[in-house]
Structures are given as C-alpha cells and as structure tokens.
Amino acid sequence: MGAAIALQVAAANPWIRGVWADSPFASLRRVAQEYVRRVSHLPAVVLSPVMWTTIRVANYRGKFDVETVNPLALAASIKCSVFMVHGTADELISAAHSEIIHASLGGEKQIWFVEGAGHARAVRRAKLEYCIHITRFFAASLSDLADQSVG
C-alpha cells in the first residue's frame, strides 16, 4: 500500500524528487480481484457480483473510494524519478503490476526485478544490491538540492 500511495502523491506534488516503489500494485481494485480469484477459484460469473458488493462495503466502511487508489491511472503525470523494485516470487502482488506502471510513467524511471524475492522481500533477498540501488537513486534524485544548500 505504501508504494502505491507514494506514487499517487508524487503525481499530485511537484516537490517530490524521487519515489522508491517496492512491490506496488497498479490499482486496488485489480489487486483485490486477482487475490479473490486466486484464493476462491470462483468463476467470473460468480466473482463479479461478489467483488461489486465487496467494493461497495469497503468504500462505506473505509470511507473512501476503492477506484481512487489507482497508481496506474496517474503514472503518466508523475514527473519525478521513480525506481521500481519487485520480487519475481511475489505471490501477493504480481510483478506485472510494476511492469505496467513502469511502462506508463512520465518521467525518469528504472525497474529492477529481484529473482526469487517474495512480496516486499527484495531487501532481504539482495541486501547489498538493494542498499546500493537505493542509495544511488536518492543521491541522484536529490543531488541538485544538496548543491543548492551549499551555495
């Protein structure tokens, strides 16, 4: 949820210089549908009304609109640098979510798939590389701010 929200905030806020998005989902509706389909094995004809009802209940109880949690819809308007990382063994959110967001991003972008890493576990699977990537990414994204504070 954190990566998805960070991407959405970046779309609305020009002050953000870089987003590190680890295992984001493209839309809350899509990831919920994929999850329910995977665990329930229900046919689409049954799943459709169940999801419709579930989303209405979530909207009411959560006091928000599930449809608005949609980083993919805003990706083209994100102008800051974005580094996406996703584990290839993520069983909660498919790496395809990162791929489609990455393809739609409007600014500088990078994507890194960590072989064998589960959901949000890339840092554990490739600790040294993760540290190197994140440090370099933010150093580059924020480098002109450091120059401004010195001068």
N, C-alpha and C. Protein backbone atom coordinates (compact mmCIF):
# COMPACT_ATOMS: atom_id res chain seq x y z
N MET A 1 0.82 -1.19 0.00
CA MET A 1 0.00 0.00 0.00
C MET A 1 0.87 1.26 0.00
N GLY A 2 2.01 1.21 0.67
CA GLY A 2 2.88 2.38 0.78
C GLY A 2 3.43 2.82 -0.56
N ALA A 3 3.86 1.87 -1.39
CA ALA A 3 4.41 2.22 -2.70
C ALA A 3 3.33 2.83 -3.58
N ALA A 4 2.13 2.29 -3.53
CA ALA A 4 1.02 2.81 -4.34
C ALA A 4 0.67 4.23 -3.92
N ILE A 5 0.63 4.48 -2.64
CA ILE A 5 0.31 5.82 -2.15
C ILE A 5 1.43 6.79 -2.49
N ALA A 6 2.68 6.37 -2.36
CA ALA A 6 3.81 7.25 -2.71
C ALA A 6 3.73 7.67 -4.18
N LEU A 7 3.39 6.72 -5.05
CA LEU A 7 3.25 7.05 -6.46
C LEU A 7 2.11 8.04 -6.69
N GLN A 8 1.00 7.84 -6.03
CA GLN A 8 -0.13 8.76 -6.19
C GLN A 8 0.19 10.15 -5.67
N VAL A 9 0.89 10.24 -4.56
CA VAL A 9 1.26 11.54 -4.01
C VAL A 9 2.23 12.23 -4.96
N ALA A 10 3.15 11.48 -5.54
CA ALA A 10 4.11 12.07 -6.49
C ALA A 10 3.40 12.66 -7.71
N ALA A 11 2.31 12.05 -8.12
CA ALA A 11 1.56 12.56 -9.27
C ALA A 11 0.94 13.93 -8.96
N ALA A 12 0.63 14.16 -7.69
CA ALA A 12 -0.05 15.39 -7.29
C ALA A 12 0.89 16.46 -6.73
N ASN A 13 2.12 16.08 -6.44
CA ASN A 13 3.02 17.00 -5.74
C ASN A 13 4.33 17.20 -6.49
N PRO A 14 4.52 18.37 -7.10
CA PRO A 14 5.75 18.62 -7.87
C PRO A 14 7.01 18.77 -7.00
N TRP A 15 6.85 18.85 -5.70
CA TRP A 15 8.00 18.98 -4.81
C TRP A 15 8.73 17.65 -4.60
N ILE A 16 8.07 16.58 -4.88
CA ILE A 16 8.68 15.26 -4.67
C ILE A 16 9.72 15.03 -5.75
N ARG A 17 10.92 14.63 -5.35
CA ARG A 17 12.06 14.49 -6.26
C ARG A 17 12.28 13.06 -6.72
N GLY A 18 11.85 12.10 -5.93
CA GLY A 18 12.06 10.70 -6.28
C GLY A 18 11.17 9.79 -5.47
N VAL A 19 10.76 8.69 -6.10
CA VAL A 19 9.95 7.68 -5.41
C VAL A 19 10.60 6.33 -5.59
N TRP A 20 10.83 5.66 -4.48
CA TRP A 20 11.29 4.28 -4.46
C TRP A 20 10.04 3.45 -4.22
N ALA A 21 9.62 2.67 -5.20
CA ALA A 21 8.37 1.92 -5.11
C ALA A 21 8.69 0.42 -5.08
N ASP A 22 8.57 -0.16 -3.91
CA ASP A 22 8.86 -1.58 -3.72
C ASP A 22 7.55 -2.36 -3.71
N SER A 23 7.35 -3.16 -4.73
CA SER A 23 6.19 -4.06 -4.85
C SER A 23 4.84 -3.34 -4.92
N PRO A 24 4.72 -2.32 -5.77
CA PRO A 24 3.45 -1.60 -5.84
C PRO A 24 2.38 -2.38 -6.60
N PHE A 25 1.13 -2.01 -6.37
CA PHE A 25 0.05 -2.54 -7.19
C PHE A 25 -0.42 -1.44 -8.13
N ALA A 26 -0.95 -1.85 -9.28
CA ALA A 26 -1.41 -0.90 -10.29
C ALA A 26 -2.72 -0.24 -9.87
N SER A 27 -3.63 -1.00 -9.30
CA SER A 27 -4.88 -0.44 -8.77
C SER A 27 -5.37 -1.37 -7.67
N LEU A 28 -6.03 -0.78 -6.69
CA LEU A 28 -6.53 -1.56 -5.57
C LEU A 28 -7.60 -2.54 -6.05
N ARG A 29 -8.45 -2.10 -6.96
CA ARG A 29 -9.49 -2.98 -7.49
C ARG A 29 -8.85 -4.20 -8.17
N ARG A 30 -7.86 -3.96 -9.00
CA ARG A 30 -7.23 -5.06 -9.75
C ARG A 30 -6.56 -6.07 -8.82
N VAL A 31 -5.80 -5.58 -7.86
CA VAL A 31 -5.09 -6.49 -6.96
C VAL A 31 -6.08 -7.26 -6.09
N ALA A 32 -7.17 -6.61 -5.69
CA ALA A 32 -8.19 -7.31 -4.90
C ALA A 32 -8.87 -8.40 -5.73
N GLN A 33 -9.19 -8.09 -6.97
CA GLN A 33 -9.82 -9.09 -7.84
C GLN A 33 -8.89 -10.27 -8.07
N GLU A 34 -7.62 -10.00 -8.33
CA GLU A 34 -6.66 -11.08 -8.55
C GLU A 34 -6.54 -11.97 -7.32
N TYR A 35 -6.51 -11.34 -6.15
CA TYR A 35 -6.39 -12.10 -4.91
C TYR A 35 -7.61 -12.99 -4.68
N VAL A 36 -8.79 -12.41 -4.81
CA VAL A 36 -10.02 -13.18 -4.58
C VAL A 36 -10.12 -14.31 -5.60
N ARG A 37 -9.79 -14.05 -6.84
CA ARG A 37 -9.82 -15.09 -7.87
C ARG A 37 -8.86 -16.22 -7.52
N ARG A 38 -7.67 -15.85 -7.04
CA ARG A 38 -6.64 -16.85 -6.72
C ARG A 38 -7.03 -17.73 -5.52
N VAL A 39 -7.61 -17.13 -4.48
CA VAL A 39 -7.91 -17.91 -3.28
C VAL A 39 -9.28 -18.59 -3.33
N SER A 40 -10.21 -18.03 -4.09
CA SER A 40 -11.56 -18.61 -4.10
C SER A 40 -11.81 -19.59 -5.24
N HIS A 41 -11.08 -19.43 -6.32
CA HIS A 41 -11.27 -20.26 -7.53
C HIS A 41 -12.70 -20.16 -8.07
N LEU A 42 -13.35 -19.04 -7.79
CA LEU A 42 -14.71 -18.83 -8.28
C LEU A 42 -14.71 -18.46 -9.76
N PRO A 43 -15.71 -18.90 -10.49
CA PRO A 43 -15.81 -18.48 -11.89
C PRO A 43 -16.19 -17.00 -11.97
N ALA A 44 -15.85 -16.35 -13.07
CA ALA A 44 -16.09 -14.91 -13.24
C ALA A 44 -17.55 -14.54 -13.03
N VAL A 45 -18.45 -15.38 -13.45
CA VAL A 45 -19.88 -15.09 -13.32
C VAL A 45 -20.30 -14.96 -11.85
N VAL A 46 -19.63 -15.67 -10.97
CA VAL A 46 -19.91 -15.57 -9.53
C VAL A 46 -19.06 -14.49 -8.90
N LEU A 47 -17.84 -14.39 -9.32
CA LEU A 47 -16.89 -13.44 -8.74
C LEU A 47 -17.31 -11.99 -8.96
N SER A 48 -17.85 -11.68 -10.10
CA SER A 48 -18.21 -10.30 -10.44
C SER A 48 -19.17 -9.67 -9.43
N PRO A 49 -20.30 -10.28 -9.12
CA PRO A 49 -21.19 -9.65 -8.13
C PRO A 49 -20.60 -9.66 -6.72
N VAL A 50 -19.80 -10.67 -6.40
CA VAL A 50 -19.15 -10.71 -5.09
C VAL A 50 -18.20 -9.53 -4.95
N MET A 51 -17.40 -9.28 -5.99
CA MET A 51 -16.45 -8.16 -5.95
C MET A 51 -17.18 -6.82 -5.91
N TRP A 52 -18.25 -6.70 -6.68
CA TRP A 52 -19.02 -5.45 -6.70
C TRP A 52 -19.51 -5.13 -5.29
N THR A 53 -20.06 -6.13 -4.62
CA THR A 53 -20.57 -5.95 -3.26
C THR A 53 -19.45 -5.65 -2.28
N THR A 54 -18.37 -6.41 -2.41
CA THR A 54 -17.22 -6.22 -1.51
C THR A 54 -16.66 -4.80 -1.62
N ILE A 55 -16.55 -4.31 -2.83
CA ILE A 55 -16.01 -2.95 -3.04
C ILE A 55 -16.95 -1.90 -2.45
N ARG A 56 -18.24 -2.09 -2.61
CA ARG A 56 -19.21 -1.14 -2.03
C ARG A 56 -19.09 -1.12 -0.50
N VAL A 57 -18.97 -2.30 0.10
CA VAL A 57 -18.82 -2.39 1.55
C VAL A 57 -17.50 -1.74 1.98
N ALA A 58 -16.41 -2.01 1.25
CA ALA A 58 -15.11 -1.42 1.58
C ALA A 58 -15.17 0.10 1.48
N ASN A 59 -15.83 0.61 0.45
CA ASN A 59 -15.99 2.07 0.30
C ASN A 59 -16.72 2.67 1.50
N TYR A 60 -17.79 2.01 1.91
CA TYR A 60 -18.60 2.51 3.02
C TYR A 60 -17.83 2.43 4.34
N ARG A 61 -17.29 1.26 4.62
CA ARG A 61 -16.59 1.08 5.91
C ARG A 61 -15.29 1.87 5.99
N GLY A 62 -14.57 1.92 4.86
CA GLY A 62 -13.29 2.62 4.85
C GLY A 62 -13.41 4.12 4.62
N LYS A 63 -14.62 4.56 4.26
CA LYS A 63 -14.89 5.97 3.98
C LYS A 63 -13.97 6.53 2.89
N PHE A 64 -13.76 5.72 1.84
CA PHE A 64 -13.01 6.15 0.68
C PHE A 64 -13.49 5.36 -0.52
N ASP A 65 -13.07 5.78 -1.70
CA ASP A 65 -13.47 5.11 -2.93
C ASP A 65 -12.32 4.23 -3.42
N VAL A 66 -12.55 2.93 -3.45
CA VAL A 66 -11.54 1.97 -3.90
C VAL A 66 -11.00 2.35 -5.28
N GLU A 67 -11.86 2.87 -6.14
CA GLU A 67 -11.45 3.23 -7.51
C GLU A 67 -10.39 4.31 -7.54
N THR A 68 -10.29 5.13 -6.50
CA THR A 68 -9.32 6.22 -6.50
C THR A 68 -7.91 5.76 -6.11
N VAL A 69 -7.79 4.56 -5.62
CA VAL A 69 -6.46 4.02 -5.27
C VAL A 69 -5.96 3.31 -6.52
N ASN A 70 -5.36 4.11 -7.42
CA ASN A 70 -5.04 3.63 -8.76
C ASN A 70 -3.78 4.31 -9.30
N PRO A 71 -2.60 3.88 -8.86
CA PRO A 71 -1.36 4.49 -9.34
C PRO A 71 -1.20 4.43 -10.86
N LEU A 72 -1.68 3.39 -11.48
CA LEU A 72 -1.55 3.27 -12.93
C LEU A 72 -2.24 4.42 -13.65
N ALA A 73 -3.40 4.82 -13.17
CA ALA A 73 -4.14 5.91 -13.81
C ALA A 73 -3.39 7.24 -13.73
N LEU A 74 -2.50 7.38 -12.75
CA LEU A 74 -1.77 8.63 -12.55
C LEU A 74 -0.32 8.57 -13.01
N ALA A 75 0.14 7.41 -13.42
CA ALA A 75 1.56 7.20 -13.73
C ALA A 75 2.10 8.18 -14.76
N ALA A 76 1.35 8.47 -15.79
CA ALA A 76 1.83 9.36 -16.84
C ALA A 76 2.07 10.78 -16.33
N SER A 77 1.40 11.16 -15.25
CA SER A 77 1.57 12.51 -14.72
C SER A 77 2.67 12.62 -13.67
N ILE A 78 3.32 11.52 -13.35
CA ILE A 78 4.44 11.55 -12.40
C ILE A 78 5.69 12.01 -13.14
N LYS A 79 6.23 13.14 -12.72
CA LYS A 79 7.37 13.72 -13.42
C LYS A 79 8.71 13.50 -12.70
N CYS A 80 8.67 13.08 -11.45
CA CYS A 80 9.92 12.85 -10.72
C CYS A 80 10.49 11.48 -11.11
N SER A 81 11.71 11.24 -10.69
CA SER A 81 12.35 9.94 -10.93
C SER A 81 11.65 8.87 -10.09
N VAL A 82 11.48 7.71 -10.70
CA VAL A 82 10.86 6.58 -10.00
C VAL A 82 11.73 5.35 -10.19
N PHE A 83 12.03 4.69 -9.10
CA PHE A 83 12.74 3.41 -9.14
C PHE A 83 11.79 2.37 -8.59
N MET A 84 11.50 1.39 -9.42
CA MET A 84 10.60 0.33 -9.01
C MET A 84 11.39 -0.95 -8.80
N VAL A 85 11.03 -1.66 -7.73
CA VAL A 85 11.66 -2.95 -7.44
C VAL A 85 10.54 -3.93 -7.12
N HIS A 86 10.69 -5.14 -7.65
CA HIS A 86 9.64 -6.15 -7.42
C HIS A 86 10.29 -7.53 -7.43
N GLY A 87 9.87 -8.36 -6.52
CA GLY A 87 10.36 -9.73 -6.47
C GLY A 87 9.64 -10.60 -7.49
N THR A 88 10.37 -11.49 -8.12
CA THR A 88 9.76 -12.38 -9.11
C THR A 88 8.91 -13.47 -8.48
N ALA A 89 9.09 -13.70 -7.18
CA ALA A 89 8.30 -14.73 -6.48
C ALA A 89 7.21 -14.11 -5.61
N ASP A 90 6.82 -12.88 -5.92
CA ASP A 90 5.78 -12.20 -5.16
C ASP A 90 4.44 -12.86 -5.45
N GLU A 91 3.85 -13.49 -4.44
CA GLU A 91 2.57 -14.17 -4.60
C GLU A 91 1.40 -13.30 -4.17
N LEU A 92 1.66 -12.14 -3.58
CA LEU A 92 0.60 -11.24 -3.17
C LEU A 92 0.26 -10.26 -4.30
N ILE A 93 1.29 -9.64 -4.87
CA ILE A 93 1.11 -8.69 -5.97
C ILE A 93 2.05 -9.10 -7.09
N SER A 94 1.50 -9.46 -8.20
CA SER A 94 2.30 -9.92 -9.34
C SER A 94 3.24 -8.82 -9.82
N ALA A 95 4.43 -9.22 -10.25
CA ALA A 95 5.40 -8.27 -10.80
C ALA A 95 4.86 -7.56 -12.03
N ALA A 96 3.83 -8.12 -12.64
CA ALA A 96 3.19 -7.47 -13.79
C ALA A 96 2.64 -6.09 -13.42
N HIS A 97 2.26 -5.90 -12.16
CA HIS A 97 1.78 -4.59 -11.71
C HIS A 97 2.89 -3.54 -11.87
N SER A 98 4.10 -3.88 -11.43
CA SER A 98 5.22 -2.95 -11.58
C SER A 98 5.53 -2.70 -13.06
N GLU A 99 5.45 -3.76 -13.85
CA GLU A 99 5.74 -3.61 -15.28
C GLU A 99 4.80 -2.63 -15.96
N ILE A 100 3.51 -2.72 -15.69
CA ILE A 100 2.58 -1.83 -16.39
C ILE A 100 2.65 -0.40 -15.86
N ILE A 101 2.92 -0.24 -14.58
CA ILE A 101 3.12 1.12 -14.06
C ILE A 101 4.37 1.72 -14.70
N HIS A 102 5.45 0.97 -14.70
CA HIS A 102 6.72 1.42 -15.26
C HIS A 102 6.55 1.87 -16.70
N ALA A 103 5.82 1.09 -17.48
CA ALA A 103 5.61 1.43 -18.89
C ALA A 103 4.84 2.73 -19.06
N SER A 104 4.03 3.11 -18.09
CA SER A 104 3.19 4.30 -18.19
C SER A 104 3.79 5.55 -17.54
N LEU A 105 4.88 5.40 -16.82
CA LEU A 105 5.46 6.54 -16.10
C LEU A 105 5.89 7.65 -17.06
N GLY A 106 5.70 8.91 -16.60
CA GLY A 106 6.00 10.05 -17.44
C GLY A 106 7.42 10.59 -17.31
N GLY A 107 8.11 10.30 -16.24
CA GLY A 107 9.44 10.86 -16.02
C GLY A 107 10.52 9.80 -16.12
N GLU A 108 11.68 10.13 -15.50
CA GLU A 108 12.79 9.16 -15.46
C GLU A 108 12.35 7.95 -14.65
N LYS A 109 12.75 6.78 -15.13
CA LYS A 109 12.28 5.57 -14.45
C LYS A 109 13.29 4.44 -14.59
N GLN A 110 13.28 3.59 -13.58
CA GLN A 110 14.10 2.38 -13.59
C GLN A 110 13.26 1.27 -12.96
N ILE A 111 13.55 0.06 -13.36
CA ILE A 111 12.85 -1.08 -12.76
C ILE A 111 13.87 -2.20 -12.54
N TRP A 112 13.72 -2.88 -11.42
CA TRP A 112 14.64 -3.96 -11.06
C TRP A 112 13.80 -5.11 -10.51
N PHE A 113 13.93 -6.25 -11.12
CA PHE A 113 13.25 -7.46 -10.64
C PHE A 113 14.26 -8.30 -9.89
N VAL A 114 13.94 -8.64 -8.66
CA VAL A 114 14.83 -9.43 -7.82
C VAL A 114 14.37 -10.88 -7.89
N GLU A 115 15.19 -11.69 -8.51
CA GLU A 115 14.88 -13.11 -8.72
C GLU A 115 14.66 -13.83 -7.40
N GLY A 116 13.50 -14.49 -7.29
CA GLY A 116 13.20 -15.31 -6.13
C GLY A 116 12.68 -14.57 -4.91
N ALA A 117 12.57 -13.25 -4.98
CA ALA A 117 12.10 -12.48 -3.82
C ALA A 117 10.58 -12.46 -3.77
N GLY A 118 10.04 -12.64 -2.57
CA GLY A 118 8.60 -12.55 -2.35
C GLY A 118 8.17 -11.11 -2.19
N HIS A 119 6.94 -10.91 -1.73
CA HIS A 119 6.39 -9.57 -1.60
C HIS A 119 7.18 -8.72 -0.61
N ALA A 120 7.70 -7.61 -1.10
CA ALA A 120 8.48 -6.66 -0.28
C ALA A 120 9.67 -7.33 0.41
N ARG A 121 10.21 -8.35 -0.21
CA ARG A 121 11.34 -9.09 0.37
C ARG A 121 12.62 -8.94 -0.46
N ALA A 122 12.62 -8.06 -1.43
CA ALA A 122 13.82 -7.85 -2.24
C ALA A 122 14.99 -7.40 -1.37
N VAL A 123 14.71 -6.59 -0.37
CA VAL A 123 15.77 -6.11 0.52
C VAL A 123 16.42 -7.26 1.28
N ARG A 124 15.65 -8.29 1.58
CA ARG A 124 16.22 -9.45 2.28
C ARG A 124 16.95 -10.38 1.32
N ARG A 125 16.44 -10.48 0.11
CA ARG A 125 16.99 -11.41 -0.89
C ARG A 125 18.30 -10.88 -1.49
N ALA A 126 18.39 -9.57 -1.65
CA ALA A 126 19.56 -8.96 -2.29
C ALA A 126 19.95 -7.70 -1.51
N LYS A 127 20.31 -7.89 -0.26
CA LYS A 127 20.54 -6.77 0.67
C LYS A 127 21.58 -5.77 0.17
N LEU A 128 22.74 -6.25 -0.23
CA LEU A 128 23.79 -5.34 -0.67
C LEU A 128 23.38 -4.56 -1.92
N GLU A 129 22.85 -5.28 -2.92
CA GLU A 129 22.43 -4.61 -4.16
C GLU A 129 21.30 -3.62 -3.89
N TYR A 130 20.39 -4.00 -3.01
CA TYR A 130 19.28 -3.11 -2.64
C TYR A 130 19.83 -1.81 -2.05
N CYS A 131 20.75 -1.95 -1.12
CA CYS A 131 21.34 -0.77 -0.49
C CYS A 131 22.07 0.12 -1.50
N ILE A 132 22.78 -0.51 -2.41
CA ILE A 132 23.49 0.24 -3.45
C ILE A 132 22.50 0.98 -4.36
N HIS A 133 21.48 0.26 -4.83
CA HIS A 133 20.49 0.88 -5.72
C HIS A 133 19.76 2.04 -5.06
N ILE A 134 19.30 1.84 -3.83
CA ILE A 134 18.50 2.88 -3.18
C ILE A 134 19.37 4.11 -2.85
N THR A 135 20.60 3.87 -2.44
CA THR A 135 21.49 4.98 -2.13
C THR A 135 21.81 5.79 -3.38
N ARG A 136 22.16 5.10 -4.46
CA ARG A 136 22.45 5.79 -5.72
C ARG A 136 21.23 6.53 -6.26
N PHE A 137 20.08 5.89 -6.16
CA PHE A 137 18.85 6.51 -6.67
C PHE A 137 18.56 7.83 -5.97
N PHE A 138 18.55 7.81 -4.65
CA PHE A 138 18.23 9.04 -3.93
C PHE A 138 19.35 10.07 -4.01
N ALA A 139 20.60 9.63 -4.08
CA ALA A 139 21.70 10.58 -4.26
C ALA A 139 21.53 11.32 -5.59
N ALA A 140 21.18 10.61 -6.65
CA ALA A 140 20.97 11.24 -7.96
C ALA A 140 19.71 12.10 -7.96
N SER A 141 18.63 11.60 -7.36
CA SER A 141 17.36 12.33 -7.35
C SER A 141 17.44 13.63 -6.56
N LEU A 142 18.26 13.64 -5.53
CA LEU A 142 18.34 14.79 -4.64
C LEU A 142 19.63 15.59 -4.80
N SER A 143 20.46 15.24 -5.77
CA SER A 143 21.78 15.88 -5.88
C SER A 143 21.71 17.38 -6.10
N ASP A 144 20.79 17.88 -6.89
CA ASP A 144 20.72 19.32 -7.10
C ASP A 144 20.23 20.06 -5.86
N LEU A 145 19.51 19.39 -4.99
CA LEU A 145 19.10 20.03 -3.73
C LEU A 145 20.30 20.22 -2.81
N ALA A 146 21.21 19.25 -2.78
CA ALA A 146 22.42 19.37 -1.97
C ALA A 146 23.29 20.52 -2.49
N ASP A 147 23.37 20.66 -3.82
CA ASP A 147 24.14 21.77 -4.40
C ASP A 147 23.55 23.12 -4.02
N GLN A 148 22.21 23.22 -3.97
CA GLN A 148 21.55 24.48 -3.63
C GLN A 148 21.80 24.86 -2.18
N SER A 149 21.84 23.88 -1.27
CA SER A 149 22.03 24.20 0.13
C SER A 149 23.46 24.61 0.44
N VAL A 150 24.41 24.17 -0.37
CA VAL A 150 25.81 24.53 -0.16
C VAL A 150 26.06 25.96 -0.63
N GLY A 151 25.48 26.29 -1.76
CA GLY A 151 25.73 27.60 -2.38
C GLY A 151 24.91 28.64 -1.80
